[in-house]
């Protein structure tokens, strides 16, 4: 689970019985991705963790970036 994350993410995952580990992804100094910290944390995930880790960025940051409209150059091809 990313750290920081939404306040309800950890309790919901724990209530669902999921084993959790956290990883850094946000650098407060640069207001951007802490790539080195994220890689360090992922490398030391417990061996009991699944072979895959689901990585997700903060939804608030994703919502702040504009999304291309469907049918535009980066929004996918429009058919019909």
C-alpha atoms as a PDB file:
ATOM      1  CA  UNK A   1       0.000   0.000   0.000  1.00  0.00           C
ATOM      2  CA  UNK A   2       1.434   3.414  -0.835  1.00  0.00           C
ATOM      3  CA  UNK A   3       2.519   5.649   2.016  1.00  0.00           C
ATOM      4  CA  UNK A   4       0.913   8.110   2.307  1.00  0.00           C
ATOM      5  CA  UNK A   5      -2.506   6.789   1.335  1.00  0.00           C
ATOM      6  CA  UNK A   6      -6.127   7.606   2.106  1.00  0.00           C
ATOM      7  CA  UNK A   7      -7.005   7.134   5.787  1.00  0.00           C
ATOM      8  CA  UNK A   8      -9.565   4.409   5.076  1.00  0.00           C
ATOM      9  CA  UNK A   9      -7.347   2.208   2.864  1.00  0.00           C
ATOM     10  CA  UNK A  10      -5.375   0.436   5.596  1.00  0.00           C
ATOM     11  CA  UNK A  11      -8.355  -0.365   7.863  1.00  0.00           C
ATOM     12  CA  UNK A  12     -10.417  -1.644   4.925  1.00  0.00           C
ATOM     13  CA  UNK A  13      -7.615  -3.888   3.693  1.00  0.00           C
ATOM     14  CA  UNK A  14      -6.920  -5.213   7.194  1.00  0.00           C
ATOM     15  CA  UNK A  15     -10.633  -5.860   7.788  1.00  0.00           C
ATOM     16  CA  UNK A  16     -10.654  -7.839   4.527  1.00  0.00           C
ATOM     17  CA  UNK A  17      -7.880 -10.018   5.955  1.00  0.00           C
ATOM     18  CA  UNK A  18      -5.164  -8.832   3.575  1.00  0.00           C
ATOM     19  CA  UNK A  19      -1.515  -8.905   4.600  1.00  0.00           C
ATOM     20  CA  UNK A  20      -0.109  -5.463   3.949  1.00  0.00           C
ATOM     21  CA  UNK A  21       3.203  -3.794   3.409  1.00  0.00           C
ATOM     22  CA  UNK A  22       3.711  -0.117   2.642  1.00  0.00           C
ATOM     23  CA  UNK A  23       6.076   1.603   0.272  1.00  0.00           C
ATOM     24  CA  UNK A  24       7.130   5.212  -0.104  1.00  0.00           C
ATOM     25  CA  UNK A  25       6.182   6.948  -3.294  1.00  0.00           C
ATOM     26  CA  UNK A  26       5.812  10.639  -2.445  1.00  0.00           C
ATOM     27  CA  UNK A  27       8.707  13.011  -1.838  1.00  0.00           C
ATOM     28  CA  UNK A  28       7.540  16.033   0.171  1.00  0.00           C
ATOM     29  CA  UNK A  29      10.647  17.999  -0.807  1.00  0.00           C
ATOM     30  CA  UNK A  30      10.092  17.756  -4.555  1.00  0.00           C
ATOM     31  CA  UNK A  31       6.313  17.236  -4.400  1.00  0.00           C
ATOM     32  CA  UNK A  32       6.871  14.314  -6.735  1.00  0.00           C
ATOM     33  CA  UNK A  33       7.702  10.646  -6.947  1.00  0.00           C
ATOM     34  CA  UNK A  34      10.223   9.223  -4.481  1.00  0.00           C
ATOM     35  CA  UNK A  35      11.450   6.630  -6.963  1.00  0.00           C
ATOM     36  CA  UNK A  36      14.545   5.617  -4.969  1.00  0.00           C
ATOM     37  CA  UNK A  37      12.530   5.212  -1.751  1.00  0.00           C
ATOM     38  CA  UNK A  38       9.827   3.259  -3.551  1.00  0.00           C
ATOM     39  CA  UNK A  39      12.368   0.871  -5.083  1.00  0.00           C
ATOM     40  CA  UNK A  40      14.119   0.361  -1.722  1.00  0.00           C
ATOM     41  CA  UNK A  41      10.844  -0.457  -0.002  1.00  0.00           C
ATOM     42  CA  UNK A  42       9.638  -2.841  -2.695  1.00  0.00           C
ATOM     43  CA  UNK A  43      12.958  -4.717  -2.660  1.00  0.00           C
ATOM     44  CA  UNK A  44      12.534  -5.566   1.019  1.00  0.00           C
ATOM     45  CA  UNK A  45       8.911  -6.734   0.905  1.00  0.00           C
ATOM     46  CA  UNK A  46       8.447  -9.791   3.093  1.00  0.00           C
ATOM     47  CA  UNK A  47       8.927 -13.125   1.329  1.00  0.00           C
ATOM     48  CA  UNK A  48       5.359 -13.982   2.309  1.00  0.00           C
ATOM     49  CA  UNK A  49       4.089 -11.237   0.021  1.00  0.00           C
ATOM     50  CA  UNK A  50       2.559 -12.319  -3.284  1.00  0.00           C
ATOM     51  CA  UNK A  51       4.970 -12.323  -6.226  1.00  0.00           C
ATOM     52  CA  UNK A  52       3.211  -9.237  -7.554  1.00  0.00           C
ATOM     53  CA  UNK A  53       2.630  -5.958  -5.822  1.00  0.00           C
ATOM     54  CA  UNK A  54      -0.201  -3.667  -6.851  1.00  0.00           C
ATOM     55  CA  UNK A  55       1.215  -0.190  -7.046  1.00  0.00           C
ATOM     56  CA  UNK A  56      -1.054   2.804  -7.164  1.00  0.00           C
ATOM     57  CA  UNK A  57      -0.470   6.494  -6.904  1.00  0.00           C
ATOM     58  CA  UNK A  58      -2.600   8.833  -4.870  1.00  0.00           C
ATOM     59  CA  UNK A  59      -5.990   9.271  -6.596  1.00  0.00           C
ATOM     60  CA  UNK A  60      -6.018  12.951  -5.647  1.00  0.00           C
ATOM     61  CA  UNK A  61      -2.832  13.540  -7.642  1.00  0.00           C
ATOM     62  CA  UNK A  62      -4.216  11.629 -10.604  1.00  0.00           C
ATOM     63  CA  UNK A  63      -7.443  13.623 -10.456  1.00  0.00           C
ATOM     64  CA  UNK A  64      -5.479  16.868 -10.518  1.00  0.00           C
ATOM     65  CA  UNK A  65      -3.934  16.080 -13.889  1.00  0.00           C
ATOM     66  CA  UNK A  66      -6.117  16.738 -16.934  1.00  0.00           C
ATOM     67  CA  UNK A  67      -7.353  13.700 -18.820  1.00  0.00           C
ATOM     68  CA  UNK A  68      -7.620  13.748 -22.603  1.00  0.00           C
ATOM     69  CA  UNK A  69     -11.089  13.494 -24.051  1.00  0.00           C
ATOM     70  CA  UNK A  70     -12.042  10.285 -25.912  1.00  0.00           C
ATOM     71  CA  UNK A  71     -11.258  10.555 -29.581  1.00  0.00           C
ATOM     72  CA  UNK A  72      -8.385  13.010 -29.111  1.00  0.00           C
ATOM     73  CA  UNK A  73      -4.743  12.274 -29.856  1.00  0.00           C
ATOM     74  CA  UNK A  74      -4.074  10.661 -26.468  1.00  0.00           C
ATOM     75  CA  UNK A  75      -7.599   9.698 -25.452  1.00  0.00           C
ATOM     76  CA  UNK A  76      -8.020   6.707 -27.715  1.00  0.00           C
ATOM     77  CA  UNK A  77      -9.485   6.315 -31.141  1.00  0.00           C
ATOM     78  CA  UNK A  78     -13.118   7.115 -31.680  1.00  0.00           C
ATOM     79  CA  UNK A  79     -14.944   4.751 -33.953  1.00  0.00           C
ATOM     80  CA  UNK A  80     -18.179   5.138 -35.759  1.00  0.00           C
END
